[in-house]
Amino acid sequence: MKKNREFFTKIHLIISVMIVVPAAVLYAFFPNWQFDLFPKTMNEYSFYKSIMGLYLGFSVVWILGVFKASMLKTALVTNIVFMLGLGFGRLLSVVIDGTPAFVYTFGMIAEMGLGCYGIWVIKTFKIQ
């Protein structure tokens, strides 16, 4: 039973890291590869590198939550805020700007799903 609990409380953190780390590197160093982003100024390059740092920083918190019980709640809460923040931001963009490319629409759905899953984990397993 303990193995099942650990799996269900941490799997979305692992999935998040597996998605967010490559996305961070792509945003920072290859923004035009899959995202149709074409930075032209130093400020834009700096912006994408700062997004990378933010993504990698949160990923470190999530990894700590996977391996250190004392960090699990922090990892869960930051994952919920991160994912729902991105998801609702993308949803706002859909409402205001229209439907984006598939990768962004899929990202929005995945972010909302991961954020809601984190809420479910905290409530179901009564994480303190």
N, C-alpha and C. Protein backbone atom coordinates (compact mmCIF):
# COMPACT_ATOMS: atom_id res chain seq x y z
N MET A 1 0.82 -1.20 0.00
CA MET A 1 0.00 0.00 0.00
C MET A 1 0.87 1.27 0.00
N LYS A 2 1.98 1.22 0.76
CA LYS A 2 2.87 2.38 0.81
C LYS A 2 3.46 2.69 -0.57
N LYS A 3 3.81 1.64 -1.33
CA LYS A 3 4.35 1.85 -2.68
C LYS A 3 3.32 2.54 -3.58
N ASN A 4 2.05 2.12 -3.48
CA ASN A 4 0.99 2.75 -4.27
C ASN A 4 0.85 4.22 -3.91
N ARG A 5 0.88 4.50 -2.62
CA ARG A 5 0.77 5.89 -2.16
C ARG A 5 1.91 6.73 -2.73
N GLU A 6 3.14 6.22 -2.63
CA GLU A 6 4.29 6.96 -3.15
C GLU A 6 4.17 7.17 -4.65
N PHE A 7 3.72 6.17 -5.37
CA PHE A 7 3.56 6.29 -6.81
C PHE A 7 2.56 7.40 -7.14
N PHE A 8 1.38 7.33 -6.52
CA PHE A 8 0.32 8.29 -6.84
C PHE A 8 0.63 9.70 -6.37
N THR A 9 1.40 9.84 -5.29
CA THR A 9 1.71 11.18 -4.79
C THR A 9 2.86 11.84 -5.53
N LYS A 10 3.65 11.06 -6.26
CA LYS A 10 4.87 11.62 -6.87
C LYS A 10 4.95 11.50 -8.39
N ILE A 11 4.15 10.68 -9.00
CA ILE A 11 4.30 10.42 -10.45
C ILE A 11 4.15 11.70 -11.27
N HIS A 12 3.23 12.57 -10.90
CA HIS A 12 3.04 13.78 -11.70
C HIS A 12 4.20 14.76 -11.52
N LEU A 13 4.91 14.67 -10.39
CA LEU A 13 6.10 15.51 -10.24
C LEU A 13 7.19 15.04 -11.20
N ILE A 14 7.34 13.74 -11.33
CA ILE A 14 8.33 13.18 -12.26
C ILE A 14 7.95 13.53 -13.70
N ILE A 15 6.68 13.38 -14.04
CA ILE A 15 6.20 13.73 -15.38
C ILE A 15 6.46 15.21 -15.65
N SER A 16 6.17 16.04 -14.66
CA SER A 16 6.38 17.49 -14.82
C SER A 16 7.84 17.81 -15.13
N VAL A 17 8.75 17.19 -14.38
CA VAL A 17 10.18 17.43 -14.61
C VAL A 17 10.58 16.97 -16.01
N MET A 18 10.07 15.83 -16.43
CA MET A 18 10.42 15.29 -17.75
C MET A 18 9.92 16.18 -18.89
N ILE A 19 8.90 16.96 -18.65
CA ILE A 19 8.37 17.87 -19.66
C ILE A 19 8.99 19.26 -19.53
N VAL A 20 9.09 19.75 -18.31
CA VAL A 20 9.50 21.14 -18.08
C VAL A 20 10.99 21.36 -18.36
N VAL A 21 11.84 20.41 -18.00
CA VAL A 21 13.28 20.60 -18.24
C VAL A 21 13.59 20.73 -19.74
N PRO A 22 13.13 19.81 -20.59
CA PRO A 22 13.39 20.02 -22.03
C PRO A 22 12.75 21.29 -22.58
N ALA A 23 11.55 21.62 -22.11
CA ALA A 23 10.90 22.85 -22.57
C ALA A 23 11.74 24.07 -22.18
N ALA A 24 12.30 24.05 -20.99
CA ALA A 24 13.15 25.16 -20.53
C ALA A 24 14.35 25.34 -21.45
N VAL A 25 15.00 24.25 -21.77
CA VAL A 25 16.18 24.32 -22.64
C VAL A 25 15.79 24.79 -24.05
N LEU A 26 14.67 24.29 -24.54
CA LEU A 26 14.21 24.73 -25.87
C LEU A 26 13.88 26.21 -25.88
N TYR A 27 13.13 26.69 -24.87
CA TYR A 27 12.80 28.11 -24.81
C TYR A 27 14.06 28.97 -24.79
N ALA A 28 15.07 28.54 -24.03
CA ALA A 28 16.27 29.36 -23.84
C ALA A 28 17.22 29.34 -25.03
N PHE A 29 17.37 28.17 -25.66
CA PHE A 29 18.43 28.04 -26.67
C PHE A 29 17.91 27.76 -28.09
N PHE A 30 16.70 27.24 -28.22
CA PHE A 30 16.14 26.92 -29.54
C PHE A 30 14.68 27.33 -29.63
N PRO A 31 14.34 28.60 -29.34
CA PRO A 31 12.94 28.99 -29.28
C PRO A 31 12.20 28.86 -30.61
N ASN A 32 12.91 28.87 -31.70
CA ASN A 32 12.24 28.77 -33.00
C ASN A 32 12.08 27.33 -33.47
N TRP A 33 12.62 26.36 -32.74
CA TRP A 33 12.59 24.96 -33.17
C TRP A 33 11.16 24.42 -33.23
N GLN A 34 10.42 24.49 -32.16
CA GLN A 34 9.05 23.98 -32.14
C GLN A 34 8.03 25.04 -31.77
N PHE A 35 8.48 26.20 -31.31
CA PHE A 35 7.55 27.15 -30.75
C PHE A 35 7.28 28.37 -31.62
N ASP A 36 7.92 28.47 -32.78
CA ASP A 36 7.75 29.63 -33.65
C ASP A 36 8.01 30.94 -32.92
N LEU A 37 9.03 30.95 -32.09
CA LEU A 37 9.44 32.15 -31.38
C LEU A 37 10.78 32.59 -31.97
N PHE A 38 10.88 33.85 -32.33
CA PHE A 38 12.07 34.34 -33.00
C PHE A 38 12.59 35.60 -32.30
N PRO A 39 13.33 35.41 -31.19
CA PRO A 39 13.84 36.59 -30.48
C PRO A 39 14.81 37.38 -31.35
N LYS A 40 14.74 38.70 -31.23
CA LYS A 40 15.58 39.57 -32.04
C LYS A 40 16.48 40.46 -31.21
N THR A 41 16.10 40.72 -29.97
CA THR A 41 16.87 41.64 -29.15
C THR A 41 17.48 40.91 -27.95
N MET A 42 18.48 41.54 -27.33
CA MET A 42 19.07 40.98 -26.11
C MET A 42 18.02 40.82 -25.02
N ASN A 43 17.09 41.76 -24.96
CA ASN A 43 16.03 41.67 -23.95
C ASN A 43 15.18 40.41 -24.16
N GLU A 44 14.88 40.09 -25.40
CA GLU A 44 14.09 38.88 -25.67
C GLU A 44 14.90 37.62 -25.34
N TYR A 45 16.16 37.60 -25.70
CA TYR A 45 17.01 36.45 -25.33
C TYR A 45 17.08 36.31 -23.81
N SER A 46 17.24 37.43 -23.12
CA SER A 46 17.28 37.41 -21.67
C SER A 46 15.96 36.90 -21.09
N PHE A 47 14.86 37.30 -21.67
CA PHE A 47 13.54 36.85 -21.21
C PHE A 47 13.43 35.33 -21.28
N TYR A 48 13.81 34.75 -22.40
CA TYR A 48 13.69 33.30 -22.56
C TYR A 48 14.66 32.54 -21.64
N LYS A 49 15.83 33.12 -21.42
CA LYS A 49 16.76 32.47 -20.49
C LYS A 49 16.23 32.56 -19.05
N SER A 50 15.58 33.66 -18.71
CA SER A 50 15.01 33.76 -17.37
C SER A 50 13.85 32.78 -17.19
N ILE A 51 13.08 32.56 -18.23
CA ILE A 51 12.02 31.54 -18.17
C ILE A 51 12.65 30.17 -17.94
N MET A 52 13.77 29.91 -18.63
CA MET A 52 14.47 28.65 -18.41
C MET A 52 14.87 28.51 -16.95
N GLY A 53 15.44 29.56 -16.37
CA GLY A 53 15.85 29.51 -14.97
C GLY A 53 14.67 29.25 -14.04
N LEU A 54 13.55 29.88 -14.31
CA LEU A 54 12.35 29.66 -13.51
C LEU A 54 11.88 28.22 -13.62
N TYR A 55 11.82 27.70 -14.83
CA TYR A 55 11.40 26.31 -15.04
C TYR A 55 12.36 25.33 -14.35
N LEU A 56 13.66 25.56 -14.50
CA LEU A 56 14.64 24.66 -13.88
C LEU A 56 14.60 24.76 -12.36
N GLY A 57 14.39 25.95 -11.84
CA GLY A 57 14.28 26.13 -10.39
C GLY A 57 13.11 25.35 -9.82
N PHE A 58 11.96 25.45 -10.46
CA PHE A 58 10.80 24.69 -9.99
C PHE A 58 11.05 23.19 -10.13
N SER A 59 11.72 22.80 -11.18
CA SER A 59 12.03 21.37 -11.37
C SER A 59 12.87 20.83 -10.23
N VAL A 60 13.80 21.64 -9.74
CA VAL A 60 14.62 21.21 -8.60
C VAL A 60 13.74 20.98 -7.37
N VAL A 61 12.79 21.87 -7.13
CA VAL A 61 11.88 21.70 -5.99
C VAL A 61 11.08 20.40 -6.14
N TRP A 62 10.61 20.11 -7.35
CA TRP A 62 9.82 18.89 -7.58
C TRP A 62 10.66 17.64 -7.38
N ILE A 63 11.92 17.69 -7.83
CA ILE A 63 12.81 16.53 -7.64
C ILE A 63 13.07 16.34 -6.14
N LEU A 64 13.28 17.42 -5.43
CA LEU A 64 13.46 17.31 -3.97
C LEU A 64 12.23 16.67 -3.32
N GLY A 65 11.06 17.04 -3.80
CA GLY A 65 9.83 16.47 -3.27
C GLY A 65 9.70 14.98 -3.52
N VAL A 66 10.27 14.52 -4.61
CA VAL A 66 10.24 13.09 -4.93
C VAL A 66 11.14 12.32 -3.96
N PHE A 67 12.28 12.89 -3.61
CA PHE A 67 13.28 12.16 -2.82
C PHE A 67 13.29 12.50 -1.33
N LYS A 68 12.72 13.63 -0.95
CA LYS A 68 12.73 14.02 0.47
C LYS A 68 11.29 14.21 0.94
N ALA A 69 10.86 13.40 1.88
CA ALA A 69 9.49 13.47 2.40
C ALA A 69 9.17 14.85 2.94
N SER A 70 10.14 15.50 3.55
CA SER A 70 9.91 16.82 4.14
C SER A 70 9.62 17.89 3.07
N MET A 71 9.95 17.62 1.83
CA MET A 71 9.75 18.57 0.73
C MET A 71 8.53 18.25 -0.13
N LEU A 72 7.85 17.14 0.16
CA LEU A 72 6.75 16.70 -0.71
C LEU A 72 5.64 17.74 -0.80
N LYS A 73 5.17 18.25 0.31
CA LYS A 73 4.06 19.22 0.27
C LYS A 73 4.47 20.47 -0.51
N THR A 74 5.67 20.96 -0.26
CA THR A 74 6.16 22.14 -0.99
C THR A 74 6.20 21.85 -2.49
N ALA A 75 6.69 20.67 -2.85
CA ALA A 75 6.75 20.29 -4.26
C ALA A 75 5.36 20.22 -4.87
N LEU A 76 4.42 19.65 -4.14
CA LEU A 76 3.05 19.53 -4.65
C LEU A 76 2.42 20.90 -4.84
N VAL A 77 2.55 21.77 -3.84
CA VAL A 77 1.93 23.09 -3.93
C VAL A 77 2.56 23.92 -5.05
N THR A 78 3.87 23.90 -5.16
CA THR A 78 4.51 24.67 -6.23
C THR A 78 4.14 24.11 -7.60
N ASN A 79 4.00 22.80 -7.70
CA ASN A 79 3.60 22.19 -8.97
C ASN A 79 2.18 22.61 -9.34
N ILE A 80 1.29 22.62 -8.37
CA ILE A 80 -0.09 23.04 -8.62
C ILE A 80 -0.13 24.49 -9.10
N VAL A 81 0.56 25.36 -8.38
CA VAL A 81 0.57 26.79 -8.75
C VAL A 81 1.20 26.98 -10.13
N PHE A 82 2.32 26.32 -10.37
CA PHE A 82 3.02 26.43 -11.65
C PHE A 82 2.12 25.97 -12.80
N MET A 83 1.59 24.77 -12.67
CA MET A 83 0.80 24.19 -13.77
C MET A 83 -0.51 24.93 -14.00
N LEU A 84 -1.24 25.22 -12.92
CA LEU A 84 -2.50 25.94 -13.11
C LEU A 84 -2.26 27.38 -13.55
N GLY A 85 -1.15 27.98 -13.10
CA GLY A 85 -0.82 29.33 -13.57
C GLY A 85 -0.58 29.35 -15.07
N LEU A 86 0.21 28.39 -15.55
CA LEU A 86 0.44 28.30 -17.00
C LEU A 86 -0.85 27.97 -17.74
N GLY A 87 -1.58 26.99 -17.22
CA GLY A 87 -2.81 26.54 -17.88
C GLY A 87 -3.84 27.65 -18.00
N PHE A 88 -4.08 28.39 -16.90
CA PHE A 88 -5.05 29.47 -16.95
C PHE A 88 -4.55 30.63 -17.81
N GLY A 89 -3.26 30.86 -17.82
CA GLY A 89 -2.70 31.87 -18.72
C GLY A 89 -2.95 31.52 -20.18
N ARG A 90 -2.75 30.26 -20.51
CA ARG A 90 -3.01 29.81 -21.89
C ARG A 90 -4.50 29.87 -22.21
N LEU A 91 -5.33 29.51 -21.22
CA LEU A 91 -6.78 29.59 -21.43
C LEU A 91 -7.21 31.03 -21.68
N LEU A 92 -6.66 31.95 -20.91
CA LEU A 92 -6.95 33.37 -21.14
C LEU A 92 -6.54 33.78 -22.55
N SER A 93 -5.40 33.30 -23.00
CA SER A 93 -4.94 33.60 -24.36
C SER A 93 -5.90 33.04 -25.41
N VAL A 94 -6.40 31.84 -25.17
CA VAL A 94 -7.37 31.26 -26.12
C VAL A 94 -8.60 32.15 -26.21
N VAL A 95 -9.10 32.61 -25.06
CA VAL A 95 -10.29 33.45 -25.04
C VAL A 95 -10.04 34.79 -25.71
N ILE A 96 -8.90 35.40 -25.43
CA ILE A 96 -8.60 36.75 -25.94
C ILE A 96 -8.03 36.72 -27.35
N ASP A 97 -7.09 35.77 -27.60
CA ASP A 97 -6.31 35.79 -28.84
C ASP A 97 -6.74 34.76 -29.86
N GLY A 98 -7.43 33.72 -29.43
CA GLY A 98 -7.81 32.64 -30.34
C GLY A 98 -7.00 31.39 -30.06
N THR A 99 -7.31 30.35 -30.80
CA THR A 99 -6.69 29.04 -30.58
C THR A 99 -5.28 29.01 -31.17
N PRO A 100 -4.31 28.62 -30.35
CA PRO A 100 -2.92 28.55 -30.83
C PRO A 100 -2.63 27.22 -31.52
N ALA A 101 -1.38 26.99 -31.85
CA ALA A 101 -0.93 25.73 -32.45
C ALA A 101 -1.20 24.57 -31.49
N PHE A 102 -1.22 23.38 -32.04
CA PHE A 102 -1.54 22.18 -31.26
C PHE A 102 -0.66 22.03 -30.03
N VAL A 103 0.64 22.30 -30.15
CA VAL A 103 1.56 22.11 -29.03
C VAL A 103 1.15 22.95 -27.83
N TYR A 104 0.65 24.16 -28.07
CA TYR A 104 0.21 25.03 -26.97
C TYR A 104 -1.14 24.59 -26.41
N THR A 105 -2.03 24.17 -27.29
CA THR A 105 -3.33 23.67 -26.83
C THR A 105 -3.15 22.41 -26.00
N PHE A 106 -2.32 21.50 -26.47
CA PHE A 106 -2.02 20.28 -25.71
C PHE A 106 -1.37 20.64 -24.38
N GLY A 107 -0.44 21.60 -24.42
CA GLY A 107 0.22 22.04 -23.20
C GLY A 107 -0.77 22.57 -22.18
N MET A 108 -1.74 23.34 -22.64
CA MET A 108 -2.75 23.90 -21.75
C MET A 108 -3.55 22.78 -21.07
N ILE A 109 -3.95 21.81 -21.84
CA ILE A 109 -4.73 20.69 -21.29
C ILE A 109 -3.88 19.89 -20.31
N ALA A 110 -2.63 19.62 -20.67
CA ALA A 110 -1.73 18.86 -19.79
C ALA A 110 -1.45 19.63 -18.50
N GLU A 111 -1.22 20.93 -18.60
CA GLU A 111 -0.95 21.74 -17.42
C GLU A 111 -2.15 21.75 -16.47
N MET A 112 -3.33 21.92 -17.03
CA MET A 112 -4.54 21.89 -16.19
C MET A 112 -4.70 20.52 -15.54
N GLY A 113 -4.44 19.48 -16.31
CA GLY A 113 -4.55 18.12 -15.77
C GLY A 113 -3.56 17.86 -14.64
N LEU A 114 -2.31 18.26 -14.83
CA LEU A 114 -1.30 18.06 -13.79
C LEU A 114 -1.61 18.89 -12.55
N GLY A 115 -2.06 20.11 -12.74
CA GLY A 115 -2.42 20.94 -11.59
C GLY A 115 -3.59 20.36 -10.81
N CYS A 116 -4.61 19.91 -11.51
CA CYS A 116 -5.77 19.29 -10.85
C CYS A 116 -5.38 17.98 -10.18
N TYR A 117 -4.49 17.23 -10.80
CA TYR A 117 -4.02 15.99 -10.20
C TYR A 117 -3.31 16.29 -8.88
N GLY A 118 -2.51 17.34 -8.84
CA GLY A 118 -1.84 17.72 -7.61
C GLY A 118 -2.82 18.06 -6.50
N ILE A 119 -3.89 18.77 -6.84
CA ILE A 119 -4.93 19.07 -5.85
C ILE A 119 -5.56 17.77 -5.35
N TRP A 120 -5.83 16.87 -6.27
CA TRP A 120 -6.41 15.57 -5.90
C TRP A 120 -5.48 14.81 -4.95
N VAL A 121 -4.18 14.83 -5.22
CA VAL A 121 -3.21 14.14 -4.37
C VAL A 121 -3.24 14.72 -2.96
N ILE A 122 -3.19 16.02 -2.84
CA ILE A 122 -3.17 16.65 -1.51
C ILE A 122 -4.43 16.31 -0.73
N LYS A 123 -5.58 16.36 -1.42
CA LYS A 123 -6.85 16.08 -0.73
C LYS A 123 -7.00 14.59 -0.41
N THR A 124 -6.71 13.73 -1.37
CA THR A 124 -6.92 12.29 -1.21
C THR A 124 -5.99 11.69 -0.19
N PHE A 125 -4.73 12.06 -0.25
CA PHE A 125 -3.72 11.46 0.64
C PHE A 125 -3.44 12.31 1.86
N LYS A 126 -4.20 13.42 2.01
CA LYS A 126 -4.08 14.28 3.19
C LYS A 126 -2.62 14.61 3.50
N ILE A 127 -1.95 15.15 2.50
CA ILE A 127 -0.54 15.51 2.62
C ILE A 127 -0.42 16.71 3.57
N GLN A 128 0.41 16.57 4.56
CA GLN A 128 0.60 17.63 5.57
C GLN A 128 1.89 18.37 5.33
